[in-house]
Amino acid sequence: MSEITRLKQVLRLTEDMSSAVNAGKWSDVSTLTKLRADLMESIFPLDSHVDQSEARPLIEQIVTLNQNVEQRCRDARQTIQTELGQFNKNKKVAAAYQSN
């Protein structure tokens, strides 16, 4: 399989990751991340014979999508941490109320 074909597969996996993030399917994101990482390890560094004019736009799309996925994951993590903090605060208040 050519490296360009594998780069296109990486792009598809990254698009699938983006869709999974949008849907909140975090276990799918994890699975896709692992698949993509394994595939990327088999590609990089690119062989010198790879057509850079064909590879560059694919890599740029992957990087752009990946940055977007990373930002949305950070945002989701922050939301979850905030909700967990509020939950723990409410739990302490309920425990204090019950002990009185």
PDB file of N, CA and C in Angstrom:
ATOM      1  N   MET A   1       0.850  -1.173   0.000  1.00  0.00           N
ATOM      2  CA  MET A   1       0.000   0.000   0.000  1.00  0.00           C
ATOM      3  C   MET A   1       0.899   1.241   0.000  1.00  0.00           C
ATOM      4  N   SER A   2       0.586   2.190  -0.860  1.00  0.00           N
ATOM      5  CA  SER A   2       1.425   3.382  -0.963  1.00  0.00           C
ATOM      6  C   SER A   2       1.258   4.280   0.262  1.00  0.00           C
ATOM      7  N   GLU A   3       2.265   5.107   0.477  1.00  0.00           N
ATOM      8  CA  GLU A   3       2.199   6.025   1.621  1.00  0.00           C
ATOM      9  C   GLU A   3       1.091   7.059   1.438  1.00  0.00           C
ATOM     10  N   ILE A   4       0.825   7.459   0.202  1.00  0.00           N
ATOM     11  CA  ILE A   4      -0.272   8.404  -0.049  1.00  0.00           C
ATOM     12  C   ILE A   4      -1.602   7.759   0.328  1.00  0.00           C
ATOM     13  N   THR A   5      -1.775   6.505  -0.023  1.00  0.00           N
ATOM     14  CA  THR A   5      -2.999   5.784   0.354  1.00  0.00           C
ATOM     15  C   THR A   5      -3.123   5.712   1.868  1.00  0.00           C
ATOM     16  N   ARG A   6      -2.009   5.452   2.541  1.00  0.00           N
ATOM     17  CA  ARG A   6      -2.048   5.386   4.007  1.00  0.00           C
ATOM     18  C   ARG A   6      -2.309   6.760   4.611  1.00  0.00           C
ATOM     19  N   LEU A   7      -1.771   7.818   3.999  1.00  0.00           N
ATOM     20  CA  LEU A   7      -2.071   9.173   4.477  1.00  0.00           C
ATOM     21  C   LEU A   7      -3.566   9.469   4.339  1.00  0.00           C
ATOM     22  N   LYS A   8      -4.155   9.021   3.250  1.00  0.00           N
ATOM     23  CA  LYS A   8      -5.601   9.209   3.067  1.00  0.00           C
ATOM     24  C   LYS A   8      -6.380   8.444   4.134  1.00  0.00           C
ATOM     25  N   GLN A   9      -5.880   7.283   4.518  1.00  0.00           N
ATOM     26  CA  GLN A   9      -6.524   6.525   5.602  1.00  0.00           C
ATOM     27  C   GLN A   9      -6.403   7.274   6.927  1.00  0.00           C
ATOM     28  N   VAL A  10      -5.234   7.875   7.169  1.00  0.00           N
ATOM     29  CA  VAL A  10      -5.051   8.675   8.386  1.00  0.00           C
ATOM     30  C   VAL A  10      -6.045   9.833   8.387  1.00  0.00           C
ATOM     31  N   LEU A  11      -6.212  10.476   7.249  1.00  0.00           N
ATOM     32  CA  LEU A  11      -7.173  11.574   7.147  1.00  0.00           C
ATOM     33  C   LEU A  11      -8.587  11.077   7.452  1.00  0.00           C
ATOM     34  N   ARG A  12      -8.971   9.939   6.895  1.00  0.00           N
ATOM     35  CA  ARG A  12     -10.308   9.386   7.165  1.00  0.00           C
ATOM     36  C   ARG A  12     -10.481   9.057   8.652  1.00  0.00           C
ATOM     37  N   LEU A  13      -9.453   8.485   9.257  1.00  0.00           N
ATOM     38  CA  LEU A  13      -9.533   8.181  10.693  1.00  0.00           C
ATOM     39  C   LEU A  13      -9.669   9.461  11.510  1.00  0.00           C
ATOM     40  N   THR A  14      -8.959  10.506  11.104  1.00  0.00           N
ATOM     41  CA  THR A  14      -9.039  11.785  11.809  1.00  0.00           C
ATOM     42  C   THR A  14     -10.434  12.384  11.650  1.00  0.00           C
ATOM     43  N   GLU A  15     -11.010  12.263  10.456  1.00  0.00           N
ATOM     44  CA  GLU A  15     -12.389  12.721  10.247  1.00  0.00           C
ATOM     45  C   GLU A  15     -13.360  11.918  11.110  1.00  0.00           C
ATOM     46  N   ASP A  16     -13.127  10.613  11.201  1.00  0.00           N
ATOM     47  CA  ASP A  16     -13.971   9.771  12.061  1.00  0.00           C
ATOM     48  C   ASP A  16     -13.827  10.171  13.530  1.00  0.00           C
ATOM     49  N   MET A  17     -12.604  10.515  13.939  1.00  0.00           N
ATOM     50  CA  MET A  17     -12.381  10.983  15.313  1.00  0.00           C
ATOM     51  C   MET A  17     -13.175  12.259  15.566  1.00  0.00           C
ATOM     52  N   SER A  18     -13.145  13.166  14.603  1.00  0.00           N
ATOM     53  CA  SER A  18     -13.878  14.421  14.736  1.00  0.00           C
ATOM     54  C   SER A  18     -15.373  14.161  14.891  1.00  0.00           C
ATOM     55  N   SER A  19     -15.897  13.256  14.094  1.00  0.00           N
ATOM     56  CA  SER A  19     -17.318  12.903  14.199  1.00  0.00           C
ATOM     57  C   SER A  19     -17.635  12.273  15.552  1.00  0.00           C
ATOM     58  N   ALA A  20     -16.739  11.422  16.028  1.00  0.00           N
ATOM     59  CA  ALA A  20     -16.946  10.771  17.329  1.00  0.00           C
ATOM     60  C   ALA A  20     -16.927  11.800  18.461  1.00  0.00           C
ATOM     61  N   VAL A  21     -16.029  12.785  18.367  1.00  0.00           N
ATOM     62  CA  VAL A  21     -15.990  13.847  19.378  1.00  0.00           C
ATOM     63  C   VAL A  21     -17.309  14.615  19.353  1.00  0.00           C
ATOM     64  N   ASN A  22     -17.783  14.948  18.156  1.00  0.00           N
ATOM     65  CA  ASN A  22     -19.060  15.676  18.033  1.00  0.00           C
ATOM     66  C   ASN A  22     -20.203  14.909  18.671  1.00  0.00           C
ATOM     67  N   ALA A  23     -20.157  13.584  18.553  1.00  0.00           N
ATOM     68  CA  ALA A  23     -21.225  12.737  19.093  1.00  0.00           C
ATOM     69  C   ALA A  23     -20.997  12.364  20.553  1.00  0.00           C
ATOM     70  N   GLY A  24     -19.852  12.765  21.114  1.00  0.00           N
ATOM     71  CA  GLY A  24     -19.549  12.417  22.503  1.00  0.00           C
ATOM     72  C   GLY A  24     -19.236  10.943  22.689  1.00  0.00           C
ATOM     73  N   LYS A  25     -18.797  10.283  21.647  1.00  0.00           N
ATOM     74  CA  LYS A  25     -18.465   8.856  21.711  1.00  0.00           C
ATOM     75  C   LYS A  25     -16.981   8.706  22.056  1.00  0.00           C
ATOM     76  N   TRP A  26     -16.669   8.891  23.328  1.00  0.00           N
ATOM     77  CA  TRP A  26     -15.277   8.965  23.759  1.00  0.00           C
ATOM     78  C   TRP A  26     -14.539   7.642  23.626  1.00  0.00           C
ATOM     79  N   SER A  27     -15.220   6.513  23.782  1.00  0.00           N
ATOM     80  CA  SER A  27     -14.532   5.230  23.606  1.00  0.00           C
ATOM     81  C   SER A  27     -14.155   5.037  22.137  1.00  0.00           C
ATOM     82  N   ASP A  28     -14.994   5.531  21.229  1.00  0.00           N
ATOM     83  CA  ASP A  28     -14.652   5.475  19.803  1.00  0.00           C
ATOM     84  C   ASP A  28     -13.448   6.361  19.502  1.00  0.00           C
ATOM     85  N   VAL A  29     -13.408   7.539  20.121  1.00  0.00           N
ATOM     86  CA  VAL A  29     -12.266   8.436  19.927  1.00  0.00           C
ATOM     87  C   VAL A  29     -10.983   7.735  20.355  1.00  0.00           C
ATOM     88  N   SER A  30     -11.030   7.073  21.487  1.00  0.00           N
ATOM     89  CA  SER A  30      -9.854   6.361  21.992  1.00  0.00           C
ATOM     90  C   SER A  30      -9.411   5.263  21.032  1.00  0.00           C
ATOM     91  N   THR A  31     -10.354   4.471  20.549  1.00  0.00           N
ATOM     92  CA  THR A  31     -10.044   3.386  19.614  1.00  0.00           C
ATOM     93  C   THR A  31      -9.465   3.935  18.313  1.00  0.00           C
ATOM     94  N   LEU A  32     -10.096   4.969  17.779  1.00  0.00           N
ATOM     95  CA  LEU A  32      -9.628   5.568  16.531  1.00  0.00           C
ATOM     96  C   LEU A  32      -8.246   6.195  16.693  1.00  0.00           C
ATOM     97  N   THR A  33      -7.998   6.796  17.852  1.00  0.00           N
ATOM     98  CA  THR A  33      -6.690   7.394  18.116  1.00  0.00           C
ATOM     99  C   THR A  33      -5.595   6.338  18.058  1.00  0.00           C
ATOM    100  N   LYS A  34      -5.860   5.190  18.657  1.00  0.00           N
ATOM    101  CA  LYS A  34      -4.884   4.092  18.650  1.00  0.00           C
ATOM    102  C   LYS A  34      -4.648   3.585  17.225  1.00  0.00           C
ATOM    103  N   LEU A  35      -5.714   3.363  16.481  1.00  0.00           N
ATOM    104  CA  LEU A  35      -5.580   2.902  15.091  1.00  0.00           C
ATOM    105  C   LEU A  35      -4.772   3.896  14.264  1.00  0.00           C
ATOM    106  N   ARG A  36      -5.092   5.168  14.438  1.00  0.00           N
ATOM    107  CA  ARG A  36      -4.402   6.210  13.675  1.00  0.00           C
ATOM    108  C   ARG A  36      -2.931   6.291  14.049  1.00  0.00           C
ATOM    109  N   ALA A  37      -2.630   6.191  15.331  1.00  0.00           N
ATOM    110  CA  ALA A  37      -1.232   6.253  15.776  1.00  0.00           C
ATOM    111  C   ALA A  37      -0.422   5.102  15.189  1.00  0.00           C
ATOM    112  N   ASP A  38      -1.001   3.913  15.195  1.00  0.00           N
ATOM    113  CA  ASP A  38      -0.307   2.755  14.622  1.00  0.00           C
ATOM    114  C   ASP A  38      -0.040   2.959  13.134  1.00  0.00           C
ATOM    115  N   LEU A  39      -1.028   3.468  12.425  1.00  0.00           N
ATOM    116  CA  LEU A  39      -0.870   3.707  10.996  1.00  0.00           C
ATOM    117  C   LEU A  39       0.180   4.788  10.737  1.00  0.00           C
ATOM    118  N   MET A  40       0.151   5.846  11.538  1.00  0.00           N
ATOM    119  CA  MET A  40       1.118   6.930  11.356  1.00  0.00           C
ATOM    120  C   MET A  40       2.547   6.458  11.604  1.00  0.00           C
ATOM    121  N   GLU A  41       2.716   5.565  12.557  1.00  0.00           N
ATOM    122  CA  GLU A  41       4.056   5.032  12.816  1.00  0.00           C
ATOM    123  C   GLU A  41       4.597   4.275  11.615  1.00  0.00           C
ATOM    124  N   SER A  42       3.709   3.678  10.832  1.00  0.00           N
ATOM    125  CA  SER A  42       4.153   2.938   9.653  1.00  0.00           C
ATOM    126  C   SER A  42       4.455   3.864   8.470  1.00  0.00           C
ATOM    127  N   ILE A  43       4.025   5.109   8.551  1.00  0.00           N
ATOM    128  CA  ILE A  43       4.199   6.055   7.443  1.00  0.00           C
ATOM    129  C   ILE A  43       5.406   6.972   7.651  1.00  0.00           C
ATOM    130  N   PHE A  44       5.535   7.487   8.849  1.00  0.00           N
ATOM    131  CA  PHE A  44       6.543   8.521   9.110  1.00  0.00           C
ATOM    132  C   PHE A  44       7.810   7.934   9.681  1.00  0.00           C
ATOM    133  N   PRO A  45       8.950   8.478   9.288  1.00  0.00           N
ATOM    134  CA  PRO A  45       9.111   9.563   8.312  1.00  0.00           C
ATOM    135  C   PRO A  45       8.812   9.077   6.899  1.00  0.00           C
ATOM    136  N   LEU A  46       8.303   9.995   6.084  1.00  0.00           N
ATOM    137  CA  LEU A  46       7.966   9.655   4.707  1.00  0.00           C
ATOM    138  C   LEU A  46       9.227   9.326   3.922  1.00  0.00           C
ATOM    139  N   ASP A  47       9.103   8.362   3.033  1.00  0.00           N
ATOM    140  CA  ASP A  47      10.215   8.049   2.136  1.00  0.00           C
ATOM    141  C   ASP A  47      10.463   9.234   1.217  1.00  0.00           C
ATOM    142  N   SER A  48      11.686   9.360   0.767  1.00  0.00           N
ATOM    143  CA  SER A  48      12.055  10.494  -0.083  1.00  0.00           C
ATOM    144  C   SER A  48      11.373  10.446  -1.452  1.00  0.00           C
ATOM    145  N   HIS A  49      10.926   9.285  -1.882  1.00  0.00           N
ATOM    146  CA  HIS A  49      10.283   9.175  -3.195  1.00  0.00           C
ATOM    147  C   HIS A  49       8.811   9.588  -3.188  1.00  0.00           C
ATOM    148  N   VAL A  50       8.250   9.885  -2.027  1.00  0.00           N
ATOM    149  CA  VAL A  50       6.840  10.282  -1.943  1.00  0.00           C
ATOM    150  C   VAL A  50       6.669  11.664  -2.565  1.00  0.00           C
ATOM    151  N   ASP A  51       5.642  11.799  -3.388  1.00  0.00           N
ATOM    152  CA  ASP A  51       5.340  13.072  -4.044  1.00  0.00           C
ATOM    153  C   ASP A  51       4.868  14.080  -2.990  1.00  0.00           C
ATOM    154  N   GLN A  52       5.739  15.027  -2.677  1.00  0.00           N
ATOM    155  CA  GLN A  52       5.439  16.011  -1.632  1.00  0.00           C
ATOM    156  C   GLN A  52       4.242  16.888  -1.987  1.00  0.00           C
ATOM    157  N   SER A  53       4.051  17.156  -3.276  1.00  0.00           N
ATOM    158  CA  SER A  53       2.921  18.000  -3.674  1.00  0.00           C
ATOM    159  C   SER A  53       1.588  17.295  -3.431  1.00  0.00           C
ATOM    160  N   GLU A  54       1.620  15.982  -3.365  1.00  0.00           N
ATOM    161  CA  GLU A  54       0.411  15.220  -3.059  1.00  0.00           C
ATOM    162  C   GLU A  54       0.282  14.979  -1.551  1.00  0.00           C
ATOM    163  N   ALA A  55       1.402  14.778  -0.885  1.00  0.00           N
ATOM    164  CA  ALA A  55       1.391  14.474   0.549  1.00  0.00           C
ATOM    165  C   ALA A  55       1.095  15.710   1.399  1.00  0.00           C
ATOM    166  N   ARG A  56       1.659  16.849   1.028  1.00  0.00           N
ATOM    167  CA  ARG A  56       1.537  18.063   1.849  1.00  0.00           C
ATOM    168  C   ARG A  56       0.091  18.456   2.133  1.00  0.00           C
ATOM    169  N   PRO A  57      -0.791  18.543   1.127  1.00  0.00           N
ATOM    170  CA  PRO A  57      -2.178  18.935   1.436  1.00  0.00           C
ATOM    171  C   PRO A  57      -2.881  17.941   2.366  1.00  0.00           C
ATOM    172  N   LEU A  58      -2.578  16.665   2.209  1.00  0.00           N
ATOM    173  CA  LEU A  58      -3.170  15.660   3.099  1.00  0.00           C
ATOM    174  C   LEU A  58      -2.698  15.875   4.530  1.00  0.00           C
ATOM    175  N   ILE A  59      -1.403  16.083   4.687  1.00  0.00           N
ATOM    176  CA  ILE A  59      -0.837  16.294   6.025  1.00  0.00           C
ATOM    177  C   ILE A  59      -1.409  17.564   6.643  1.00  0.00           C
ATOM    178  N   GLU A  60      -1.546  18.623   5.836  1.00  0.00           N
ATOM    179  CA  GLU A  60      -2.104  19.876   6.355  1.00  0.00           C
ATOM    180  C   GLU A  60      -3.552  19.688   6.819  1.00  0.00           C
ATOM    181  N   GLN A  61      -4.330  18.921   6.064  1.00  0.00           N
ATOM    182  CA  GLN A  61      -5.714  18.645   6.472  1.00  0.00           C
ATOM    183  C   GLN A  61      -5.744  17.846   7.768  1.00  0.00           C
ATOM    184  N   ILE A  62      -4.857  16.871   7.871  1.00  0.00           N
ATOM    185  CA  ILE A  62      -4.787  16.048   9.087  1.00  0.00           C
ATOM    186  C   ILE A  62      -4.445  16.919  10.286  1.00  0.00           C
ATOM    187  N   VAL A  63      -3.446  17.785  10.125  1.00  0.00           N
ATOM    188  CA  VAL A  63      -3.013  18.649  11.229  1.00  0.00           C
ATOM    189  C   VAL A  63      -4.143  19.585  11.650  1.00  0.00           C
ATOM    190  N   THR A  64      -4.806  20.197  10.686  1.00  0.00           N
ATOM    191  CA  THR A  64      -5.899  21.125  10.996  1.00  0.00           C
ATOM    192  C   THR A  64      -7.037  20.418  11.730  1.00  0.00           C
ATOM    193  N   LEU A  65      -7.441  19.271  11.200  1.00  0.00           N
ATOM    194  CA  LEU A  65      -8.501  18.496  11.861  1.00  0.00           C
ATOM    195  C   LEU A  65      -8.077  18.065  13.259  1.00  0.00           C
ATOM    196  N   ASN A  66      -6.837  17.620  13.371  1.00  0.00           N
ATOM    197  CA  ASN A  66      -6.340  17.147  14.659  1.00  0.00           C
ATOM    198  C   ASN A  66      -6.333  18.273  15.691  1.00  0.00           C
ATOM    199  N   GLN A  67      -5.928  19.462  15.285  1.00  0.00           N
ATOM    200  CA  GLN A  67      -5.932  20.600  16.210  1.00  0.00           C
ATOM    201  C   GLN A  67      -7.352  20.882  16.691  1.00  0.00           C
ATOM    202  N   ASN A  68      -8.305  20.777  15.780  1.00  0.00           N
ATOM    203  CA  ASN A  68      -9.699  20.997  16.138  1.00  0.00           C
ATOM    204  C   ASN A  68     -10.186  19.931  17.115  1.00  0.00           C
ATOM    205  N   VAL A  69      -9.843  18.678  16.844  1.00  0.00           N
ATOM    206  CA  VAL A  69     -10.231  17.571  17.732  1.00  0.00           C
ATOM    207  C   VAL A  69      -9.614  17.771  19.114  1.00  0.00           C
ATOM    208  N   GLU A  70      -8.324  18.119  19.145  1.00  0.00           N
ATOM    209  CA  GLU A  70      -7.652  18.329  20.433  1.00  0.00           C
ATOM    210  C   GLU A  70      -8.329  19.434  21.232  1.00  0.00           C
ATOM    211  N   GLN A  71      -8.682  20.538  20.569  1.00  0.00           N
ATOM    212  CA  GLN A  71      -9.324  21.651  21.275  1.00  0.00           C
ATOM    213  C   GLN A  71     -10.679  21.233  21.833  1.00  0.00           C
ATOM    214  N   ARG A  72     -11.453  20.505  21.038  1.00  0.00           N
ATOM    215  CA  ARG A  72     -12.766  20.060  21.518  1.00  0.00           C
ATOM    216  C   ARG A  72     -12.629  19.059  22.660  1.00  0.00           C
ATOM    217  N   CYS A  73     -11.590  18.243  22.629  1.00  0.00           N
ATOM    218  CA  CYS A  73     -11.346  17.314  23.743  1.00  0.00           C
ATOM    219  C   CYS A  73     -10.970  18.084  25.008  1.00  0.00           C
ATOM    220  N   ARG A  74     -10.128  19.107  24.861  1.00  0.00           N
ATOM    221  CA  ARG A  74      -9.771  19.933  26.025  1.00  0.00           C
ATOM    222  C   ARG A  74     -11.005  20.619  26.596  1.00  0.00           C
ATOM    223  N   ASP A  75     -11.846  21.147  25.713  1.00  0.00           N
ATOM    224  CA  ASP A  75     -13.078  21.811  26.162  1.00  0.00           C
ATOM    225  C   ASP A  75     -13.990  20.836  26.900  1.00  0.00           C
ATOM    226  N   ALA A  76     -14.128  19.639  26.356  1.00  0.00           N
ATOM    227  CA  ALA A  76     -14.982  18.626  26.997  1.00  0.00           C
ATOM    228  C   ALA A  76     -14.414  18.221  28.347  1.00  0.00           C
ATOM    229  N   ARG A  77     -13.093  18.066  28.417  1.00  0.00           N
ATOM    230  CA  ARG A  77     -12.470  17.702  29.691  1.00  0.00           C
ATOM    231  C   ARG A  77     -12.707  18.793  30.729  1.00  0.00           C
ATOM    232  N   GLN A  78     -12.580  20.049  30.321  1.00  0.00           N
ATOM    233  CA  GLN A  78     -12.809  21.158  31.250  1.00  0.00           C
ATOM    234  C   GLN A  78     -14.256  21.166  31.734  1.00  0.00           C
ATOM    235  N   THR A  79     -15.182  20.917  30.840  1.00  0.00           N
ATOM    236  CA  THR A  79     -16.600  20.854  31.215  1.00  0.00           C
ATOM    237  C   THR A  79     -16.843  19.741  32.220  1.00  0.00           C
ATOM    238  N   ILE A  80     -16.261  18.585  31.961  1.00  0.00           N
ATOM    239  CA  ILE A  80     -16.428  17.443  32.869  1.00  0.00           C
ATOM    240  C   ILE A  80     -15.809  17.743  34.229  1.00  0.00           C
ATOM    241  N   GLN A  81     -14.632  18.367  34.236  1.00  0.00           N
ATOM    242  CA  GLN A  81     -13.994  18.710  35.510  1.00  0.00           C
ATOM    243  C   GLN A  81     -14.847  19.699  36.297  1.00  0.00           C
ATOM    244  N   THR A  82     -15.426  20.663  35.615  1.00  0.00           N
ATOM    245  CA  THR A  82     -16.296  21.636  36.274  1.00  0.00           C
ATOM    246  C   THR A  82     -17.530  20.945  36.855  1.00  0.00           C
ATOM    247  N   GLU A  83     -18.135  20.071  36.061  1.00  0.00           N
ATOM    248  CA  GLU A  83     -19.319  19.343  36.535  1.00  0.00           C
ATOM    249  C   GLU A  83     -18.979  18.430  37.704  1.00  0.00           C
ATOM    250  N   LEU A  84     -17.830  17.784  37.648  1.00  0.00           N
ATOM    251  CA  LEU A  84     -17.404  16.910  38.740  1.00  0.00           C
ATOM    252  C   LEU A  84     -17.154  17.719  40.013  1.00  0.00           C
ATOM    253  N   GLY A  85     -16.536  18.884  39.858  1.00  0.00           N
ATOM    254  CA  GLY A  85     -16.319  19.754  41.012  1.00  0.00           C
ATOM    255  C   GLY A  85     -17.629  20.176  41.648  1.00  0.00           C
ATOM    256  N   GLN A  86     -18.605  20.513  40.825  1.00  0.00           N
ATOM    257  CA  GLN A  86     -19.919  20.905  41.338  1.00  0.00           C
ATOM    258  C   GLN A  86     -20.607  19.726  42.011  1.00  0.00           C
ATOM    259  N   PHE A  87     -20.481  18.546  41.415  1.00  0.00           N
ATOM    260  CA  PHE A  87     -21.065  17.337  41.998  1.00  0.00           C
ATOM    261  C   PHE A  87     -20.468  17.069  43.374  1.00  0.00           C
ATOM    262  N   ASN A  88     -19.139  17.158  43.474  1.00  0.00           N
ATOM    263  CA  ASN A  88     -18.475  16.911  44.760  1.00  0.00           C
ATOM    264  C   ASN A  88     -18.878  17.950  45.801  1.00  0.00           C
ATOM    265  N   LYS A  89     -19.040  19.187  45.368  1.00  0.00           N
ATOM    266  CA  LYS A  89     -19.476  20.241  46.279  1.00  0.00           C
ATOM    267  C   LYS A  89     -20.885  19.938  46.790  1.00  0.00           C
ATOM    268  N   ASN A  90     -21.768  19.552  45.890  1.00  0.00           N
ATOM    269  CA  ASN A  90     -23.142  19.213  46.283  1.00  0.00           C
ATOM    270  C   ASN A  90     -23.163  18.003  47.208  1.00  0.00           C
ATOM    271  N   LYS A  91     -22.294  17.058  46.956  1.00  0.00           N
ATOM    272  CA  LYS A  91     -22.205  15.860  47.791  1.00  0.00           C
ATOM    273  C   LYS A  91     -21.784  16.235  49.217  1.00  0.00           C
ATOM    274  N   LYS A  92     -20.828  17.143  49.343  1.00  0.00           N
ATOM    275  CA  LYS A  92     -20.379  17.586  50.668  1.00  0.00           C
ATOM    276  C   LYS A  92     -21.489  18.338  51.392  1.00  0.00           C
ATOM    277  N   VAL A  93     -22.208  19.167  50.661  1.00  0.00           N
ATOM    278  CA  VAL A  93     -23.314  19.918  51.260  1.00  0.00           C
ATOM    279  C   VAL A  93     -24.389  18.949  51.750  1.00  0.00           C
ATOM    280  N   ALA A  94     -24.710  17.953  50.938  1.00  0.00           N
ATOM    281  CA  ALA A  94     -25.725  16.967  51.329  1.00  0.00           C
ATOM    282  C   ALA A  94     -25.267  16.176  52.545  1.00  0.00           C
ATOM    283  N   ALA A  95     -23.987  15.809  52.584  1.00  0.00           N
ATOM    284  CA  ALA A  95     -23.458  15.054  53.725  1.00  0.00           C
ATOM    285  C   ALA A  95     -23.498  15.907  54.988  1.00  0.00           C
ATOM    286  N   ALA A  96     -23.161  17.185  54.876  1.00  0.00           N
ATOM    287  CA  ALA A  96     -23.204  18.077  56.031  1.00  0.00           C
ATOM    288  C   ALA A  96     -24.641  18.266  56.508  1.00  0.00           C
ATOM    289  N   TYR A  97     -25.560  18.388  55.596  1.00  0.00           N
ATOM    290  CA  TYR A  97     -26.964  18.555  55.939  1.00  0.00           C
ATOM    291  C   TYR A  97     -27.497  17.317  56.659  1.00  0.00           C
ATOM    292  N   GLN A  98     -27.125  16.128  56.165  1.00  0.00           N
ATOM    293  CA  GLN A  98     -27.605  14.885  56.764  1.00  0.00           C
ATOM    294  C   GLN A  98     -27.009  14.653  58.148  1.00  0.00           C
ATOM    295  N   SER A  99     -25.810  15.152  58.380  1.00  0.00           N
ATOM    296  CA  SER A  99     -25.174  14.923  59.685  1.00  0.00           C
ATOM    297  C   SER A  99     -25.763  15.827  60.769  1.00  0.00           C
ATOM    298  N   ASN A 100     -26.493  16.851  60.374  1.00  0.00           N
ATOM    299  CA  ASN A 100     -27.109  17.759  61.354  1.00  0.00           C
ATOM    300  C   ASN A 100     -28.436  17.276  61.708  1.00  0.00           C
TER     301      ASN A 100
END
